[in-house]
Amino acid sequence: MLDVLEKGKKFAKYKLDVIAYADDILLGIDDNVNVNELISEIEDLVSLIGLTVNRDKCRCTKTQVVEFMGFRYSNNRHEEIALAPELLKRA
């Protein structure tokens, strides 16, 4: 457990906004962050508790607004949005 806590301290430098739902995670980061380096550090951290990161499902965008799990997030604010019927069918 101490390994997880020690590795977790490294993330303070990133000033992350983290939103998690089940096995999905949305990260808000500054433009000057090396995304591949961050993902590698996250992989190291979660491997300590037996989890993995599926890089095939990772997406990176420079937009200021992101829709995630029925909410629209922007600048540390969120609002509920109407889900499209196609999304509801897949849920």
Protein backbone atom coordinates (compact mmCIF):
# COMPACT_ATOMS: atom_id res chain seq x y z
CA MET A 1 0.00 0.00 0.00
CA LEU A 2 2.88 2.38 0.69
CA ASP A 3 4.10 1.94 -2.89
CA VAL A 4 0.73 3.13 -4.18
CA LEU A 5 0.77 6.18 -1.91
CA GLU A 6 4.35 7.07 -2.84
CA LYS A 7 3.67 6.74 -6.57
CA GLY A 8 0.43 8.67 -6.18
CA LYS A 9 2.32 11.69 -4.81
CA LYS A 10 3.96 12.14 -8.23
CA PHE A 11 0.60 13.21 -9.68
CA ALA A 12 0.41 16.39 -7.60
CA LYS A 13 2.62 18.14 -10.17
CA TYR A 14 -0.01 17.61 -12.90
CA LYS A 15 -2.92 19.48 -11.26
CA LEU A 16 -5.38 16.92 -12.59
CA ASP A 17 -9.14 17.22 -12.71
CA VAL A 18 -10.35 13.62 -12.37
CA ILE A 19 -13.84 12.31 -13.05
CA ALA A 20 -14.34 8.56 -12.71
CA TYR A 21 -17.32 6.35 -13.48
CA ALA A 22 -17.02 2.56 -13.17
CA ASP A 23 -13.95 1.69 -15.28
CA ASP A 24 -13.89 4.97 -17.24
CA ILE A 25 -11.81 7.97 -16.23
CA LEU A 26 -11.82 11.49 -17.63
CA LEU A 27 -8.72 13.59 -16.92
CA GLY A 28 -8.51 17.34 -17.32
CA ILE A 29 -4.91 18.53 -17.67
CA ASP A 30 -2.97 21.63 -18.68
CA ASP A 31 -1.75 22.02 -22.26
CA ASN A 32 1.90 21.76 -21.24
CA VAL A 33 1.56 18.19 -19.89
CA ASN A 34 3.16 15.35 -21.85
CA VAL A 35 0.15 13.06 -22.23
CA ASN A 36 2.16 9.92 -23.05
CA GLU A 37 4.34 10.44 -19.98
CA LEU A 38 1.24 10.90 -17.82
CA ILE A 39 -0.41 7.75 -19.18
CA SER A 40 2.80 5.78 -18.54
CA GLU A 41 2.87 6.99 -14.93
CA ILE A 42 -0.80 6.07 -14.51
CA GLU A 43 -0.05 2.60 -15.92
CA ASP A 44 2.74 2.18 -13.35
CA LEU A 45 0.44 3.25 -10.53
CA VAL A 46 -2.58 1.11 -11.38
CA SER A 47 -0.40 -1.95 -12.05
CA LEU A 48 0.42 -1.98 -8.32
CA ILE A 49 -3.21 -2.88 -7.61
CA GLY A 50 -3.60 -5.29 -10.52
CA LEU A 51 -5.26 -2.96 -13.03
CA THR A 52 -4.26 -1.99 -16.57
CA VAL A 53 -4.82 0.92 -18.95
CA ASN A 54 -6.23 0.06 -22.37
CA ARG A 55 -4.36 2.55 -24.58
CA ASP A 56 -6.64 1.63 -27.50
CA LYS A 57 -9.47 3.33 -25.60
CA CYS A 58 -7.47 6.44 -24.63
CA ARG A 59 -8.46 9.66 -26.36
CA CYS A 60 -6.85 13.07 -26.21
CA THR A 61 -8.46 16.32 -27.29
CA LYS A 62 -7.63 19.98 -26.88
CA THR A 63 -11.24 21.06 -26.51
CA GLN A 64 -12.45 23.03 -23.52
CA VAL A 65 -15.77 21.15 -23.39
CA VAL A 66 -16.17 17.37 -23.11
CA GLU A 67 -19.30 15.25 -22.93
CA PHE A 68 -18.86 12.23 -20.63
CA MET A 69 -21.45 9.86 -19.22
CA GLY A 70 -24.38 12.21 -19.86
CA PHE A 71 -22.71 15.37 -18.56
CA ARG A 72 -20.97 18.26 -20.26
CA TYR A 73 -17.77 19.36 -18.50
CA SER A 74 -15.99 22.66 -19.01
CA ASN A 75 -13.60 24.64 -16.84
CA ASN A 76 -14.38 22.69 -13.63
CA ARG A 77 -18.14 23.00 -14.16
CA HIS A 78 -20.55 20.34 -15.28
CA GLU A 79 -24.15 20.22 -16.40
CA GLU A 80 -26.45 17.34 -17.20
CA ILE A 81 -27.26 16.88 -20.88
CA ALA A 82 -29.95 14.84 -22.57
CA LEU A 83 -28.55 11.53 -23.74
CA ALA A 84 -29.18 10.60 -27.33
CA PRO A 85 -31.59 7.66 -27.72
CA GLU A 86 -28.80 5.64 -29.42
CA LEU A 87 -26.65 5.92 -26.29
CA LEU A 88 -29.49 4.81 -24.06
CA LYS A 89 -30.02 1.70 -26.21
CA ARG A 90 -26.34 0.70 -25.77
CA ALA A 91 -26.39 1.17 -21.97
